[in-house]
Protein backbone atom coordinates (compact mmCIF):
# COMPACT_ATOMS: atom_id res chain seq x y z
CA MET A 1 -9.78 118.22 29.02
CA ASN A 2 -13.61 118.38 29.53
CA PHE A 3 -15.87 117.20 26.66
CA PRO A 4 -19.37 117.43 28.05
CA LEU A 5 -20.85 114.72 25.92
CA LEU A 6 -18.14 112.17 26.59
CA LYS A 7 -18.25 113.13 30.26
CA LYS A 8 -21.92 112.51 30.44
CA ASN A 9 -21.76 109.23 28.42
CA LYS A 10 -18.87 107.50 30.22
CA LYS A 11 -19.57 104.10 28.61
CA LEU A 12 -19.35 105.48 25.06
CA HIS A 13 -16.21 104.68 23.14
CA TYR A 14 -16.30 107.23 20.39
CA LEU A 15 -14.12 106.24 17.42
CA ASP A 16 -15.71 108.38 14.67
CA SER A 17 -13.72 111.63 14.92
CA ALA A 18 -13.07 111.72 11.20
CA ALA A 19 -16.77 112.32 10.76
CA THR A 20 -17.00 114.93 13.49
CA THR A 21 -15.10 115.77 16.66
CA HIS A 22 -16.76 116.32 20.03
CA LYS A 23 -16.65 119.83 21.46
CA PRO A 24 -14.70 120.89 24.52
CA LYS A 25 -16.48 122.75 27.28
CA GLU A 26 -14.60 125.86 26.29
CA VAL A 27 -16.23 125.91 22.83
CA VAL A 28 -19.71 125.02 24.10
CA ASP A 29 -19.53 127.69 26.79
CA ARG A 30 -18.30 130.36 24.34
CA ILE A 31 -21.17 129.77 21.97
CA LYS A 32 -23.65 129.81 24.80
CA LYS A 33 -22.18 133.08 26.10
CA PHE A 34 -22.52 134.69 22.75
CA TYR A 35 -26.25 133.84 22.32
CA THR A 36 -26.92 134.60 26.01
CA HIS A 37 -25.09 137.93 26.41
CA GLU A 38 -23.67 139.20 23.10
CA ASN A 39 -26.00 138.36 20.33
CA ALA A 40 -26.23 141.00 17.56
CA ASN A 41 -25.60 141.18 13.82
CA VAL A 42 -22.20 142.18 12.54
CA HIS A 43 -21.18 144.97 10.18
CA ARG A 44 -24.57 146.64 10.46
CA GLY A 45 -25.39 148.32 13.65
CA ILE A 46 -23.94 151.58 14.99
CA TYR A 47 -24.61 150.51 18.60
CA ASP A 48 -22.44 148.86 21.26
CA LEU A 49 -23.79 145.30 21.05
CA SER A 50 -23.38 145.14 17.28
CA GLU A 51 -19.90 146.72 17.33
CA HIS A 52 -18.89 144.21 20.00
CA ALA A 53 -20.20 141.30 17.93
CA THR A 54 -18.35 142.68 14.95
CA GLN A 55 -15.15 142.97 16.90
CA MET A 56 -15.38 139.37 18.13
CA TYR A 57 -16.22 138.06 14.62
CA GLU A 58 -13.27 139.83 13.07
CA GLU A 59 -10.88 138.77 15.90
CA ALA A 60 -11.87 135.28 15.10
CA ARG A 61 -10.79 135.79 11.44
CA LYS A 62 -7.47 137.17 12.61
CA SER A 63 -6.94 134.19 15.01
CA ILE A 64 -7.71 131.69 12.26
CA ALA A 65 -5.38 133.50 9.79
CA ASN A 66 -2.58 133.10 12.38
CA PHE A 67 -3.58 129.51 12.90
CA VAL A 68 -2.92 128.55 9.28
CA HIS A 69 -0.17 131.12 8.90
CA ALA A 70 -1.95 133.20 6.26
CA LYS A 71 -0.32 136.38 5.10
CA SER A 72 -3.43 138.47 5.97
CA GLU A 73 -6.86 137.94 7.57
CA ARG A 74 -8.21 139.33 4.23
CA GLU A 75 -7.41 135.87 2.88
CA ILE A 76 -9.75 134.12 5.27
CA ILE A 77 -13.23 133.64 3.90
CA PHE A 78 -15.79 132.15 6.28
CA THR A 79 -18.06 129.47 4.71
CA SER A 80 -20.30 126.81 5.98
CA GLY A 81 -17.55 124.07 5.83
CA THR A 82 -15.10 122.38 3.59
CA THR A 83 -17.66 121.42 1.03
CA ASP A 84 -18.88 124.99 0.71
CA SER A 85 -15.34 126.28 0.47
CA ILE A 86 -14.49 123.91 -2.28
CA ASN A 87 -17.70 124.69 -4.16
CA LEU A 88 -16.88 128.41 -3.84
CA VAL A 89 -13.78 127.85 -5.85
CA GLY A 90 -15.62 125.38 -8.12
CA TYR A 91 -17.91 128.09 -9.19
CA SER A 92 -16.24 131.48 -8.68
CA TRP A 93 -12.72 130.65 -9.84
CA ILE A 94 -13.62 128.05 -12.44
CA TRP A 95 -16.13 130.54 -14.00
CA LYS A 96 -13.31 133.15 -14.73
CA ASN A 97 -10.30 130.98 -15.27
CA VAL A 98 -11.21 127.63 -16.99
CA PHE A 99 -12.05 127.54 -20.71
CA GLU A 100 -12.20 125.26 -23.73
CA GLY A 101 -9.18 122.95 -23.94
CA ASP A 102 -8.30 123.23 -20.23
CA THR A 103 -8.00 120.27 -17.79
CA LEU A 104 -9.01 119.89 -14.08
CA LEU A 105 -7.05 117.25 -12.14
CA THR A 106 -7.80 115.42 -8.92
CA SER A 107 -7.02 112.03 -7.39
CA GLN A 108 -8.54 108.53 -6.60
CA MET A 109 -8.43 109.09 -2.90
CA GLU A 110 -10.61 112.17 -2.77
CA HIS A 111 -13.76 112.71 -0.75
CA HIS A 112 -16.73 113.39 -3.05
CA SER A 113 -16.55 117.00 -1.96
CA ASN A 114 -13.21 117.30 -3.60
CA PHE A 115 -14.06 115.19 -6.62
CA ILE A 116 -17.59 115.94 -7.81
CA PRO A 117 -17.17 119.76 -8.05
CA TRP A 118 -14.27 119.33 -10.57
CA GLN A 119 -16.06 116.52 -12.40
CA GLN A 120 -19.12 118.65 -12.79
CA ALA A 121 -17.26 121.80 -13.54
CA ALA A 122 -15.72 119.95 -16.51
CA LYS A 123 -19.15 118.91 -17.65
CA ARG A 124 -20.52 122.40 -17.40
CA LYS A 125 -17.59 123.91 -19.33
CA GLU A 126 -17.59 122.87 -22.96
CA HIS A 127 -14.45 120.90 -24.00
CA VAL A 128 -12.91 120.95 -20.55
CA SER A 129 -11.36 117.63 -19.60
CA PHE A 130 -11.27 115.91 -16.20
CA GLU A 131 -8.38 113.68 -15.13
CA VAL A 132 -7.62 111.58 -12.06
CA VAL A 133 -4.18 110.77 -10.53
CA LYS A 134 -3.85 107.08 -9.52
CA LEU A 135 -2.66 105.62 -6.21
CA THR A 136 0.23 103.25 -5.76
CA ASP A 137 -0.16 99.68 -4.38
CA ASN A 138 0.55 100.99 -0.82
CA TYR A 139 -2.35 103.54 -1.01
CA GLN A 140 -0.21 106.54 -1.59
CA LEU A 141 -0.51 109.16 -4.32
CA ASP A 142 1.39 107.96 -7.38
CA LEU A 143 3.84 110.87 -7.83
CA ASP A 144 5.04 109.50 -11.12
CA ASP A 145 1.46 109.42 -12.46
CA LEU A 146 0.93 112.93 -11.13
CA GLU A 147 4.05 114.22 -12.88
CA ALA A 148 3.02 112.62 -16.11
CA LYS A 149 -0.51 114.07 -16.03
CA LEU A 150 0.82 117.49 -15.03
CA LYS A 151 3.29 117.42 -17.91
CA ALA A 152 0.73 116.13 -20.46
CA HIS A 153 -2.27 118.20 -19.59
CA GLN A 154 -0.87 121.33 -17.89
CA PRO A 155 -4.03 121.46 -15.84
CA LYS A 156 -5.54 124.73 -14.66
CA LEU A 157 -6.13 123.17 -11.13
CA PHE A 158 -4.97 120.15 -9.19
CA ALA A 159 -7.28 119.39 -6.20
CA ILE A 160 -5.86 117.03 -3.53
CA THR A 161 -6.63 116.12 -0.07
CA HIS A 162 -3.99 116.81 2.63
CA ILE A 163 -5.01 113.68 4.53
CA SER A 164 -7.31 110.93 3.26
CA ASN A 165 -10.44 110.62 5.28
CA THR A 166 -10.56 106.90 4.46
CA LEU A 167 -6.94 105.76 4.41
CA GLY A 168 -5.37 108.23 6.88
CA THR A 169 -2.62 108.84 4.37
CA VAL A 170 -0.81 112.17 4.76
CA ASN A 171 0.07 113.46 1.35
CA PRO A 172 3.44 115.12 0.75
CA ILE A 173 2.08 118.52 -0.24
CA LYS A 174 5.43 120.35 -0.56
CA GLU A 175 6.79 117.60 -2.77
CA ILE A 176 3.66 117.84 -4.87
CA VAL A 177 4.12 121.55 -5.13
CA ALA A 178 7.81 121.08 -6.19
CA ILE A 179 6.72 118.62 -9.01
CA LYS A 180 4.13 121.05 -10.11
CA GLU A 181 6.55 123.97 -10.17
CA ARG A 182 8.97 122.01 -12.27
CA VAL A 183 6.59 120.63 -14.98
CA SER A 184 3.40 122.77 -14.89
CA PRO A 185 4.10 126.06 -12.99
CA HIS A 186 0.86 127.72 -14.01
CA THR A 187 -1.32 124.95 -12.27
CA LYS A 188 -3.15 126.10 -9.19
CA ILE A 189 -3.33 123.74 -6.27
CA LEU A 190 -6.29 123.38 -3.96
CA ILE A 191 -6.00 121.40 -0.68
CA ASP A 192 -8.84 119.70 1.15
CA GLY A 193 -7.60 120.19 4.71
CA ALA A 194 -10.71 118.86 6.51
CA GLN A 195 -8.86 115.94 8.11
CA ALA A 196 -5.52 117.78 8.66
CA VAL A 197 -6.12 120.90 10.69
CA SER A 198 -6.79 119.13 14.01
CA HIS A 199 -3.87 116.72 13.56
CA ILE A 200 -0.86 118.62 12.03
CA LEU A 201 0.40 122.17 11.95
CA VAL A 202 -0.72 123.83 8.74
CA ASP A 203 1.30 126.67 7.28
CA VAL A 204 -0.34 127.65 3.95
CA GLN A 205 2.55 129.92 3.01
CA ASP A 206 5.14 127.27 3.60
CA LEU A 207 3.11 124.68 1.73
CA GLY A 208 3.10 126.96 -1.39
CA VAL A 209 -0.51 126.09 -2.38
CA ASP A 210 -3.16 128.44 -3.74
CA PHE A 211 -6.30 127.35 -1.89
CA TYR A 212 -6.87 125.59 1.38
CA ALA A 213 -10.36 124.54 2.68
CA PHE A 214 -11.42 123.14 6.14
CA SER A 215 -14.26 122.75 8.48
CA GLY A 216 -14.78 123.76 12.09
CA HIS A 217 -16.50 120.57 13.23
CA LYS A 218 -13.57 118.46 12.37
CA MET A 219 -11.34 120.41 14.65
CA TYR A 220 -13.40 120.56 17.89
CA GLY A 221 -15.46 123.53 16.74
CA PRO A 222 -19.11 123.92 15.85
CA THR A 223 -20.89 122.60 12.74
CA GLY A 224 -21.96 124.98 10.02
CA ILE A 225 -18.73 126.95 9.93
CA GLY A 226 -15.71 126.52 7.68
CA VAL A 227 -12.93 128.41 6.02
CA LEU A 228 -11.52 128.96 2.54
CA TRP A 229 -8.05 130.37 2.55
CA ALA A 230 -6.76 131.67 -0.83
CA ARG A 231 -4.00 133.97 -1.88
CA GLU A 232 -5.15 137.56 -1.73
CA GLU A 233 -4.32 138.27 -5.36
CA ILE A 234 -6.41 135.28 -6.50
CA LEU A 235 -9.45 136.38 -4.40
CA THR A 236 -9.01 139.95 -5.66
CA ASP A 237 -8.14 139.59 -9.27
CA THR A 238 -9.41 136.24 -10.52
CA MET A 239 -12.58 135.46 -8.56
CA SER A 240 -16.02 136.99 -8.57
CA PRO A 241 -18.66 136.29 -5.84
CA TYR A 242 -21.19 133.60 -6.59
CA ARG A 243 -23.42 134.30 -3.58
CA TYR A 244 -25.10 137.57 -3.87
CA GLY A 245 -26.88 139.56 -1.11
CA GLY A 246 -26.40 141.99 1.70
CA GLY A 247 -23.00 142.86 3.01
CA MET A 248 -20.91 141.90 -0.11
CA ILE A 249 -21.63 144.91 -2.25
CA ARG A 250 -20.05 148.39 -2.62
CA SER A 251 -22.78 149.97 -4.77
CA VAL A 252 -25.92 148.94 -6.58
CA ASN A 253 -27.71 150.60 -9.51
CA ILE A 254 -30.18 149.41 -12.10
CA SER A 255 -27.68 148.19 -14.63
CA ASP A 256 -24.97 146.73 -12.48
CA SER A 257 -23.32 146.38 -9.05
CA THR A 258 -19.84 146.51 -7.63
CA TRP A 259 -18.43 144.32 -4.82
CA ALA A 260 -17.03 145.06 -1.37
CA ASP A 261 -13.41 144.58 -0.56
CA LEU A 262 -12.09 141.23 0.82
CA PRO A 263 -13.22 139.39 2.71
CA GLU A 264 -16.79 140.68 2.64
CA LYS A 265 -16.80 140.20 -1.17
CA PHE A 266 -17.46 136.50 -0.60
CA GLU A 267 -19.55 136.59 2.47
CA GLY A 268 -23.03 137.71 1.33
CA GLY A 269 -25.85 137.58 3.84
CA THR A 270 -25.75 137.31 7.64
CA PRO A 271 -22.76 135.07 8.46
CA ASN A 272 -22.56 132.28 11.12
CA ILE A 273 -21.37 134.68 13.73
CA ALA A 274 -21.52 132.27 16.67
CA GLY A 275 -19.94 129.57 14.50
CA ALA A 276 -16.91 131.86 13.82
CA ILE A 277 -16.61 132.77 17.41
CA GLY A 278 -16.86 129.09 18.45
CA LEU A 279 -14.25 128.19 15.87
CA ASN A 280 -11.92 130.74 17.36
CA SER A 281 -12.37 129.02 20.77
CA ALA A 282 -11.58 125.66 19.11
CA VAL A 283 -8.37 127.12 17.71
CA GLU A 284 -7.41 128.42 21.18
CA PHE A 285 -8.13 124.90 22.53
CA ILE A 286 -5.88 123.25 19.93
CA GLU A 287 -3.06 125.83 20.37
CA LYS A 288 -3.21 125.42 24.17
CA ILE A 289 -2.59 121.70 23.84
CA GLY A 290 -0.01 122.14 21.04
CA PHE A 291 0.49 119.99 17.88
CA SER A 292 3.62 118.27 19.38
CA GLN A 293 1.41 116.86 22.18
CA ILE A 294 -1.45 116.04 19.78
CA GLN A 295 0.83 114.15 17.49
CA SER A 296 2.67 112.34 20.25
CA HIS A 297 -0.66 111.20 21.71
CA GLU A 298 -1.86 110.08 18.30
CA HIS A 299 1.22 108.18 17.36
CA THR A 300 1.14 106.32 20.74
CA LEU A 301 -2.47 105.28 19.94
CA ILE A 302 -1.68 104.27 16.30
CA ASP A 303 1.22 102.06 17.48
CA TYR A 304 -1.07 100.51 20.13
CA PHE A 305 -3.86 99.96 17.52
CA PHE A 306 -1.41 98.20 15.17
CA LYS A 307 -0.09 96.08 18.02
CA LYS A 308 -3.58 94.90 18.81
CA LEU A 309 -4.49 94.47 15.13
CA ASP A 310 -1.58 92.09 14.60
CA SER A 311 -3.47 89.44 16.70
CA TYR A 312 -6.31 89.28 14.20
CA GLU A 313 -5.31 87.61 10.92
CA HIS A 314 -8.93 87.82 9.56
CA ILE A 315 -9.13 91.68 9.66
CA SER A 316 -7.88 93.45 6.57
CA LEU A 317 -6.38 96.86 6.84
CA HIS A 318 -6.74 99.16 3.77
CA GLY A 319 -3.95 101.57 4.29
CA LEU A 320 -0.47 102.29 5.33
CA LYS A 321 0.97 100.41 8.41
CA ALA A 322 3.31 103.23 9.42
CA SER A 323 2.51 105.69 12.18
CA LYS A 324 4.66 108.55 10.81
CA GLU A 325 2.96 108.75 7.34
CA ARG A 326 -0.60 108.64 8.51
CA ILE A 327 -3.10 109.84 11.13
CA GLY A 328 -5.33 107.71 13.33
CA VAL A 329 -7.86 106.79 10.58
CA PHE A 330 -8.20 103.17 9.67
CA SER A 331 -10.38 101.40 7.01
CA LEU A 332 -10.93 97.66 7.85
CA THR A 333 -12.90 94.82 6.45
CA ILE A 334 -13.58 91.28 7.63
CA PRO A 335 -14.13 88.82 4.82
CA GLY A 336 -17.70 87.59 4.61
CA VAL A 337 -19.04 90.17 7.05
CA HIS A 338 -20.71 93.30 5.97
CA PRO A 339 -19.27 96.52 7.54
CA HIS A 340 -22.89 97.53 8.54
CA ASP A 341 -23.19 94.35 10.62
CA ILE A 342 -19.76 94.91 12.24
CA ALA A 343 -20.79 98.50 13.16
CA GLN A 344 -24.02 97.40 14.59
CA ILE A 345 -22.36 94.70 16.78
CA LEU A 346 -19.82 97.27 17.87
CA SER A 347 -22.61 99.77 18.70
CA ASN A 348 -24.11 97.09 20.95
CA ASN A 349 -20.78 97.25 22.80
CA ASN A 350 -20.99 101.09 23.07
CA VAL A 351 -18.31 101.49 20.41
CA ALA A 352 -19.01 104.11 17.70
CA VAL A 353 -17.40 103.61 14.27
CA ARG A 354 -18.31 104.58 10.81
CA ALA A 355 -19.45 102.01 8.19
CA GLY A 356 -19.89 102.63 4.48
CA HIS A 357 -17.96 104.13 1.62
CA HIS A 358 -17.09 107.30 3.50
CA CYS A 359 -17.84 109.45 0.51
CA THR A 360 -14.91 107.96 -1.32
CA GLN A 361 -16.75 105.61 -3.91
CA ILE A 362 -13.88 105.93 -6.48
CA LEU A 363 -11.33 104.82 -3.92
CA MET A 364 -13.54 101.91 -2.70
CA ARG A 365 -14.39 100.52 -6.13
CA ASP A 366 -11.29 101.32 -8.22
CA VAL A 367 -8.55 100.91 -5.58
CA LEU A 368 -9.65 98.92 -2.61
CA ASN A 369 -12.07 96.66 -4.54
CA VAL A 370 -14.69 96.75 -1.76
CA VAL A 371 -18.14 98.19 -1.39
CA ALA A 372 -17.60 99.53 2.09
CA THR A 373 -15.44 99.36 5.13
CA ILE A 374 -15.67 100.10 8.79
CA ARG A 375 -13.65 103.25 9.74
CA VAL A 376 -11.98 103.76 13.11
CA SER A 377 -10.73 107.32 13.82
CA PHE A 378 -9.11 109.01 16.70
CA GLY A 379 -9.41 112.41 18.38
CA ILE A 380 -7.44 114.07 21.22
CA TYR A 381 -9.89 112.43 23.71
CA THR A 382 -9.29 108.91 22.45
CA LYS A 383 -7.73 106.54 24.95
CA LYS A 384 -6.29 103.06 24.88
CA ASN A 385 -9.39 101.73 26.55
CA ASP A 386 -11.35 102.81 23.63
CA ILE A 387 -9.21 100.75 21.31
CA ASP A 388 -9.49 97.82 23.76
CA ALA A 389 -13.31 98.17 23.71
CA PHE A 390 -13.18 98.08 19.87
CA PHE A 391 -11.23 94.82 19.75
CA LYS A 392 -13.47 93.34 22.44
CA GLY A 393 -16.42 94.14 20.17
CA ILE A 394 -14.61 92.45 17.31
CA GLU A 395 -14.47 89.30 19.39
CA ASP A 396 -18.32 89.36 19.35
CA VAL A 397 -18.29 89.84 15.59
CA PHE A 398 -16.24 86.72 15.28
CA ARG A 399 -18.46 84.75 17.65
CA LEU A 400 -21.51 85.61 15.50
CA PHE A 401 -19.62 85.30 12.14
CA PRO A 402 -16.93 82.64 12.71
CA PRO A 403 -13.99 83.03 10.33
CA SER A 404 -14.04 80.30 7.65
């Protein structure tokens, strides 16, 4: 594997892949090729260059549909990322389907991108309530609380992350769907898949959910490109576009307009063509490696990380200590040392980690009872020597801030 930035910066130990992944040479070269040799707008020009760009753009859509096992490429809507995808549902679907007396449901572990849209939608819609599912003492979704809230409120929507960006917890989506089907069958389920698509195989049909959102830059693709998958009947019958402009209309007159068929209906304006093509290249990169190899590599690293962590009694782990129910994302604190100080000392050792609340303030304040953590996260390029460098940097932390 060739990751140009990591190849150039051999001393860098990058442990911030949950924030964004680095890009393999295949992706970088593919984007460069488009802008150098193939650049044209799509769905517009009746000339070879434009028709070729359109073909590549739509081939990317088909490839991504296959990647998440969608029924049709018509169910794949290109967006600017997970946040944009969720907000599309938060405006378009909410507008036509949520009314007075309805409830929107999410959880304590959500990224702000999958929390605030539903909170604010409930505030915009008169007499719509907003409820939050609790976590258990071992940082997993409380399925009993979920069932109780589903039964009591019969929510229109339950929005839940597939994998927590702070805890690394993998949520049991099929079990969640089974509970929903038993006690609140009309509830729609939206999944924030930002942390999942580069770590585990995602089959949206098998999961049985209604919406699935993810970003290119979390899965070795470019920034500024993402995907909303939704069932075709939902996109067709229960959602109107909320971004108007060129390319998404069928006809326009003075009094009203009509919309194009899927997926153009939700893709007003010139799309991120290079981003979609680059994302297609990232999909090919992941599929070439294979999820069995990706997961085997990650579980080896997780076990190695936990073995090293066991030697440090003054580091607190906030999350599961089980490699099979999580991915390589770890939130850590050291009593008496601010996470920003830890991150700076690690940076001085060429180790890159995240420090802060990771856009999960509800989780930090109401569950973990901390202001911030340092977050260590793995990618396919992570090696054991990166973990060694992290713990060597932690030794410097303890030298400057001796445990009491």
